[in-house]
PDB file of all heavy atoms in Angstrom:
ATOM      1  N   ALA A   1       0.833  -1.205   0.000  1.00  0.00           N
ATOM      2  CA  ALA A   1       0.000   0.000   0.000  1.00  0.00           C
ATOM      3  C   ALA A   1       0.865   1.251   0.000  1.00  0.00           C
ATOM      4  O   ALA A   1       0.558   2.238  -0.691  1.00  0.00           O
ATOM      5  CB  ALA A   1      -0.943  -0.012   1.201  1.00  0.00           C
ATOM      6  N   ARG A   2       1.964   1.215   0.750  1.00  0.00           N
ATOM      7  CA  ARG A   2       2.877   2.363   0.763  1.00  0.00           C
ATOM      8  C   ARG A   2       3.493   2.573  -0.621  1.00  0.00           C
ATOM      9  O   ARG A   2       3.621   3.708  -1.090  1.00  0.00           O
ATOM     10  CB  ARG A   2       3.975   2.161   1.813  1.00  0.00           C
ATOM     11  CG  ARG A   2       3.510   2.374   3.247  1.00  0.00           C
ATOM     12  CD  ARG A   2       4.668   2.447   4.217  1.00  0.00           C
ATOM     13  NE  ARG A   2       5.321   1.159   4.407  1.00  0.00           N
ATOM     14  CZ  ARG A   2       5.000   0.281   5.365  1.00  0.00           C
ATOM     15  NH1 ARG A   2       4.008   0.553   6.213  1.00  0.00           N
ATOM     16  NH2 ARG A   2       5.647  -0.859   5.478  1.00  0.00           N
ATOM     17  N   GLN A   3       3.883   1.487  -1.269  1.00  0.00           N
ATOM     18  CA  GLN A   3       4.466   1.608  -2.613  1.00  0.00           C
ATOM     19  C   GLN A   3       3.475   2.211  -3.603  1.00  0.00           C
ATOM     20  O   GLN A   3       3.861   2.919  -4.535  1.00  0.00           O
ATOM     21  CB  GLN A   3       4.945   0.243  -3.107  1.00  0.00           C
ATOM     22  CG  GLN A   3       6.162  -0.290  -2.363  1.00  0.00           C
ATOM     23  CD  GLN A   3       6.665  -1.615  -2.928  1.00  0.00           C
ATOM     24  OE1 GLN A   3       6.338  -2.001  -4.047  1.00  0.00           O
ATOM     25  NE2 GLN A   3       7.478  -2.321  -2.157  1.00  0.00           N
ATOM     26  N   LEU A   4       2.205   1.921  -3.398  1.00  0.00           N
ATOM     27  CA  LEU A   4       1.152   2.449  -4.270  1.00  0.00           C
ATOM     28  C   LEU A   4       0.650   3.819  -3.822  1.00  0.00           C
ATOM     29  O   LEU A   4      -0.174   4.431  -4.512  1.00  0.00           O
ATOM     30  CB  LEU A   4      -0.027   1.476  -4.310  1.00  0.00           C
ATOM     31  CG  LEU A   4       0.249   0.125  -4.979  1.00  0.00           C
ATOM     32  CD1 LEU A   4      -0.883  -0.854  -4.680  1.00  0.00           C
ATOM     33  CD2 LEU A   4       0.429   0.289  -6.478  1.00  0.00           C
ATOM     34  N   ALA A   5       1.128   4.287  -2.670  1.00  0.00           N
ATOM     35  CA  ALA A   5       0.689   5.563  -2.087  1.00  0.00           C
ATOM     36  C   ALA A   5      -0.822   5.577  -1.868  1.00  0.00           C
ATOM     37  O   ALA A   5      -1.507   6.561  -2.162  1.00  0.00           O
ATOM     38  CB  ALA A   5       1.131   6.736  -2.955  1.00  0.00           C
ATOM     39  N   LEU A   6      -1.338   4.445  -1.340  1.00  0.00           N
ATOM     40  CA  LEU A   6      -2.765   4.320  -1.074  1.00  0.00           C
ATOM     41  C   LEU A   6      -2.987   3.896   0.371  1.00  0.00           C
ATOM     42  O   LEU A   6      -2.150   3.213   0.973  1.00  0.00           O
ATOM     43  CB  LEU A   6      -3.385   3.270  -1.996  1.00  0.00           C
ATOM     44  CG  LEU A   6      -3.512   3.634  -3.474  1.00  0.00           C
ATOM     45  CD1 LEU A   6      -3.955   2.401  -4.264  1.00  0.00           C
ATOM     46  CD2 LEU A   6      -4.503   4.775  -3.668  1.00  0.00           C
ATOM     47  N   ALA A   7      -4.143   4.264   0.907  1.00  0.00           N
ATOM     48  CA  ALA A   7      -4.544   3.747   2.208  1.00  0.00           C
ATOM     49  C   ALA A   7      -4.828   2.257   2.071  1.00  0.00           C
ATOM     50  O   ALA A   7      -5.425   1.822   1.077  1.00  0.00           O
ATOM     51  CB  ALA A   7      -5.786   4.473   2.705  1.00  0.00           C
ATOM     52  N   PRO A   8      -4.425   1.438   3.029  1.00  0.00           N
ATOM     53  CA  PRO A   8      -4.688  -0.001   2.939  1.00  0.00           C
ATOM     54  C   PRO A   8      -6.156  -0.327   2.691  1.00  0.00           C
ATOM     55  O   PRO A   8      -6.471  -1.270   1.951  1.00  0.00           O
ATOM     56  CB  PRO A   8      -4.210  -0.527   4.292  1.00  0.00           C
ATOM     57  CG  PRO A   8      -3.159   0.433   4.724  1.00  0.00           C
ATOM     58  CD  PRO A   8      -3.631   1.774   4.219  1.00  0.00           C
ATOM     59  N   ALA A   9      -7.048   0.437   3.281  1.00  0.00           N
ATOM     60  CA  ALA A   9      -8.481   0.161   3.134  1.00  0.00           C
ATOM     61  C   ALA A   9      -8.971   0.325   1.698  1.00  0.00           C
ATOM     62  O   ALA A   9     -10.054  -0.151   1.360  1.00  0.00           O
ATOM     63  CB  ALA A   9      -9.288   1.068   4.060  1.00  0.00           C
ATOM     64  N   ARG A  10      -8.181   0.974   0.852  1.00  0.00           N
ATOM     65  CA  ARG A  10      -8.568   1.162  -0.544  1.00  0.00           C
ATOM     66  C   ARG A  10      -7.970   0.075  -1.453  1.00  0.00           C
ATOM     67  O   ARG A  10      -8.065   0.175  -2.673  1.00  0.00           O
ATOM     68  CB  ARG A  10      -8.137   2.542  -1.043  1.00  0.00           C
ATOM     69  CG  ARG A  10      -8.808   3.693  -0.316  1.00  0.00           C
ATOM     70  CD  ARG A  10     -10.321   3.590  -0.354  1.00  0.00           C
ATOM     71  NE  ARG A  10     -10.819   3.467  -1.724  1.00  0.00           N
ATOM     72  CZ  ARG A  10     -12.050   3.050  -2.038  1.00  0.00           C
ATOM     73  NH1 ARG A  10     -12.890   2.673  -1.082  1.00  0.00           N
ATOM     74  NH2 ARG A  10     -12.441   2.988  -3.292  1.00  0.00           N
ATOM     75  N   CYS A  11      -7.383  -0.951  -0.855  1.00  0.00           N
ATOM     76  CA  CYS A  11      -6.794  -2.049  -1.614  1.00  0.00           C
ATOM     77  C   CYS A  11      -7.550  -3.343  -1.337  1.00  0.00           C
ATOM     78  O   CYS A  11      -8.106  -3.542  -0.258  1.00  0.00           O
ATOM     79  CB  CYS A  11      -5.324  -2.263  -1.226  1.00  0.00           C
ATOM     80  SG  CYS A  11      -4.272  -0.803  -1.440  1.00  0.00           S
ATOM     81  N   VAL A  12      -7.547  -4.224  -2.320  1.00  0.00           N
ATOM     82  CA  VAL A  12      -8.068  -5.573  -2.143  1.00  0.00           C
ATOM     83  C   VAL A  12      -6.929  -6.541  -2.416  1.00  0.00           C
ATOM     84  O   VAL A  12      -6.075  -6.286  -3.272  1.00  0.00           O
ATOM     85  CB  VAL A  12      -9.263  -5.852  -3.083  1.00  0.00           C
ATOM     86  CG1 VAL A  12      -8.870  -5.715  -4.545  1.00  0.00           C
ATOM     87  CG2 VAL A  12      -9.849  -7.233  -2.821  1.00  0.00           C
ATOM     88  N   TYR A  13      -6.894  -7.632  -1.651  1.00  0.00           N
ATOM     89  CA  TYR A  13      -5.835  -8.632  -1.834  1.00  0.00           C
ATOM     90  C   TYR A  13      -6.473  -9.974  -2.151  1.00  0.00           C
ATOM     91  O   TYR A  13      -7.414 -10.407  -1.487  1.00  0.00           O
ATOM     92  CB  TYR A  13      -4.985  -8.735  -0.570  1.00  0.00           C
ATOM     93  CG  TYR A  13      -3.800  -9.675  -0.698  1.00  0.00           C
ATOM     94  CD1 TYR A  13      -2.855  -9.485  -1.706  1.00  0.00           C
ATOM     95  CD2 TYR A  13      -3.619 -10.726   0.186  1.00  0.00           C
ATOM     96  CE1 TYR A  13      -1.767 -10.338  -1.824  1.00  0.00           C
ATOM     97  CE2 TYR A  13      -2.532 -11.574   0.075  1.00  0.00           C
ATOM     98  CZ  TYR A  13      -1.610 -11.377  -0.930  1.00  0.00           C
ATOM     99  OH  TYR A  13      -0.532 -12.221  -1.048  1.00  0.00           O
ATOM    100  N   VAL A  14      -5.945 -10.635  -3.174  1.00  0.00           N
ATOM    101  CA  VAL A  14      -6.443 -11.929  -3.623  1.00  0.00           C
ATOM    102  C   VAL A  14      -5.373 -12.976  -3.358  1.00  0.00           C
ATOM    103  O   VAL A  14      -4.240 -12.833  -3.825  1.00  0.00           O
ATOM    104  CB  VAL A  14      -6.790 -11.910  -5.129  1.00  0.00           C
ATOM    105  CG1 VAL A  14      -7.487 -13.204  -5.529  1.00  0.00           C
ATOM    106  CG2 VAL A  14      -7.645 -10.701  -5.481  1.00  0.00           C
ATOM    107  N   GLY A  15      -5.724 -14.034  -2.626  1.00  0.00           N
ATOM    108  CA  GLY A  15      -4.743 -15.071  -2.326  1.00  0.00           C
ATOM    109  C   GLY A  15      -5.374 -16.442  -2.215  1.00  0.00           C
ATOM    110  O   GLY A  15      -6.597 -16.572  -2.105  1.00  0.00           O
ATOM    111  N   ASP A  16      -4.521 -17.468  -2.237  1.00  0.00           N
ATOM    112  CA  ASP A  16      -5.014 -18.848  -2.235  1.00  0.00           C
ATOM    113  C   ASP A  16      -4.594 -19.615  -0.991  1.00  0.00           C
ATOM    114  O   ASP A  16      -4.562 -20.848  -0.997  1.00  0.00           O
ATOM    115  CB  ASP A  16      -4.532 -19.599  -3.494  1.00  0.00           C
ATOM    116  CG  ASP A  16      -3.039 -19.869  -3.468  1.00  0.00           C
ATOM    117  OD1 ASP A  16      -2.274 -18.975  -3.057  1.00  0.00           O
ATOM    118  OD2 ASP A  16      -2.633 -20.979  -3.862  1.00  0.00           O
ATOM    119  N   ASP A  17      -4.272 -18.882   0.083  1.00  0.00           N
ATOM    120  CA  ASP A  17      -3.859 -19.517   1.331  1.00  0.00           C
ATOM    121  C   ASP A  17      -4.550 -18.816   2.498  1.00  0.00           C
ATOM    122  O   ASP A  17      -4.802 -17.606   2.436  1.00  0.00           O
ATOM    123  CB  ASP A  17      -2.332 -19.438   1.490  1.00  0.00           C
ATOM    124  CG  ASP A  17      -1.811 -20.350   2.593  1.00  0.00           C
ATOM    125  OD1 ASP A  17      -1.909 -19.951   3.782  1.00  0.00           O
ATOM    126  OD2 ASP A  17      -1.323 -21.446   2.286  1.00  0.00           O
ATOM    127  N   HIS A  18      -4.833 -19.573   3.547  1.00  0.00           N
ATOM    128  CA  HIS A  18      -5.473 -18.980   4.718  1.00  0.00           C
ATOM    129  C   HIS A  18      -4.653 -17.826   5.282  1.00  0.00           C
ATOM    130  O   HIS A  18      -5.189 -16.828   5.771  1.00  0.00           O
ATOM    131  CB  HIS A  18      -5.685 -20.058   5.789  1.00  0.00           C
ATOM    132  CG  HIS A  18      -6.521 -19.601   6.941  1.00  0.00           C
ATOM    133  ND1 HIS A  18      -6.473 -20.203   8.178  1.00  0.00           N
ATOM    134  CD2 HIS A  18      -7.434 -18.591   7.052  1.00  0.00           C
ATOM    135  CE1 HIS A  18      -7.304 -19.585   8.997  1.00  0.00           C
ATOM    136  NE2 HIS A  18      -7.900 -18.613   8.345  1.00  0.00           N
ATOM    137  N   ARG A  19      -3.319 -17.938   5.177  1.00  0.00           N
ATOM    138  CA  ARG A  19      -2.450 -16.859   5.662  1.00  0.00           C
ATOM    139  C   ARG A  19      -2.729 -15.547   4.934  1.00  0.00           C
ATOM    140  O   ARG A  19      -2.569 -14.466   5.509  1.00  0.00           O
ATOM    141  CB  ARG A  19      -0.981 -17.237   5.469  1.00  0.00           C
ATOM    142  CG  ARG A  19      -0.495 -18.375   6.349  1.00  0.00           C
ATOM    143  CD  ARG A  19       0.896 -18.785   5.955  1.00  0.00           C
ATOM    144  NE  ARG A  19       0.953 -19.212   4.553  1.00  0.00           N
ATOM    145  CZ  ARG A  19       2.069 -19.586   3.933  1.00  0.00           C
ATOM    146  NH1 ARG A  19       3.218 -19.556   4.585  1.00  0.00           N
ATOM    147  NH2 ARG A  19       2.039 -19.976   2.671  1.00  0.00           N
ATOM    148  N   ASP A  20      -3.117 -15.644   3.667  1.00  0.00           N
ATOM    149  CA  ASP A  20      -3.409 -14.430   2.901  1.00  0.00           C
ATOM    150  C   ASP A  20      -4.596 -13.692   3.487  1.00  0.00           C
ATOM    151  O   ASP A  20      -4.586 -12.463   3.601  1.00  0.00           O
ATOM    152  CB  ASP A  20      -3.688 -14.798   1.437  1.00  0.00           C
ATOM    153  CG  ASP A  20      -2.491 -15.428   0.751  1.00  0.00           C
ATOM    154  OD1 ASP A  20      -1.352 -15.047   1.086  1.00  0.00           O
ATOM    155  OD2 ASP A  20      -2.691 -16.309  -0.101  1.00  0.00           O
ATOM    156  N   VAL A  21      -5.617 -14.439   3.858  1.00  0.00           N
ATOM    157  CA  VAL A  21      -6.812 -13.814   4.442  1.00  0.00           C
ATOM    158  C   VAL A  21      -6.488 -13.229   5.813  1.00  0.00           C
ATOM    159  O   VAL A  21      -6.935 -12.124   6.154  1.00  0.00           O
ATOM    160  CB  VAL A  21      -7.961 -14.832   4.528  1.00  0.00           C
ATOM    161  CG1 VAL A  21      -9.158 -14.228   5.257  1.00  0.00           C
ATOM    162  CG2 VAL A  21      -8.375 -15.296   3.131  1.00  0.00           C
ATOM    163  N   LEU A  22      -5.688 -13.943   6.601  1.00  0.00           N
ATOM    164  CA  LEU A  22      -5.300 -13.423   7.913  1.00  0.00           C
ATOM    165  C   LEU A  22      -4.512 -12.123   7.769  1.00  0.00           C
ATOM    166  O   LEU A  22      -4.731 -11.162   8.519  1.00  0.00           O
ATOM    167  CB  LEU A  22      -4.464 -14.466   8.654  1.00  0.00           C
ATOM    168  CG  LEU A  22      -5.183 -15.755   9.054  1.00  0.00           C
ATOM    169  CD1 LEU A  22      -4.194 -16.758   9.657  1.00  0.00           C
ATOM    170  CD2 LEU A  22      -6.310 -15.470  10.036  1.00  0.00           C
ATOM    171  N   ALA A  23      -3.599 -12.075   6.799  1.00  0.00           N
ATOM    172  CA  ALA A  23      -2.816 -10.867   6.568  1.00  0.00           C
ATOM    173  C   ALA A  23      -3.714  -9.728   6.089  1.00  0.00           C
ATOM    174  O   ALA A  23      -3.574  -8.580   6.513  1.00  0.00           O
ATOM    175  CB  ALA A  23      -1.717 -11.145   5.546  1.00  0.00           C
ATOM    176  N   ASP A  24      -4.629 -10.057   5.180  1.00  0.00           N
ATOM    177  CA  ASP A  24      -5.614  -9.098   4.689  1.00  0.00           C
ATOM    178  C   ASP A  24      -6.353  -8.411   5.821  1.00  0.00           C
ATOM    179  O   ASP A  24      -6.433  -7.184   5.896  1.00  0.00           O
ATOM    180  CB  ASP A  24      -6.690  -9.849   3.885  1.00  0.00           C
ATOM    181  CG  ASP A  24      -6.441  -9.835   2.398  1.00  0.00           C
ATOM    182  OD1 ASP A  24      -5.766  -8.925   1.929  1.00  0.00           O
ATOM    183  OD2 ASP A  24      -6.954 -10.731   1.728  1.00  0.00           O
ATOM    184  N   ARG A  25      -6.936  -9.240   6.656  1.00  0.00           N
ATOM    185  CA  ARG A  25      -7.769  -8.722   7.740  1.00  0.00           C
ATOM    186  C   ARG A  25      -6.949  -7.841   8.678  1.00  0.00           C
ATOM    187  O   ARG A  25      -7.410  -6.772   9.118  1.00  0.00           O
ATOM    188  CB  ARG A  25      -8.401  -9.884   8.514  1.00  0.00           C
ATOM    189  CG  ARG A  25      -9.412 -10.696   7.714  1.00  0.00           C
ATOM    190  CD  ARG A  25     -10.509  -9.827   7.163  1.00  0.00           C
ATOM    191  NE  ARG A  25     -11.621 -10.595   6.626  1.00  0.00           N
ATOM    192  CZ  ARG A  25     -12.563 -10.086   5.848  1.00  0.00           C
ATOM    193  NH1 ARG A  25     -12.517  -8.819   5.520  1.00  0.00           N
ATOM    194  NH2 ARG A  25     -13.551 -10.843   5.402  1.00  0.00           N
TER     195      ARG A  25
END
C-alpha cells in the first residue's frame, strides 16, 4: 500500500492460502 501511495483500506488482496486472508484482515 505504501508503494502504491494508497490507504490499505482502498486495496483488495487476492490469495489462495489462509495466511493471505489473515494478513488481509
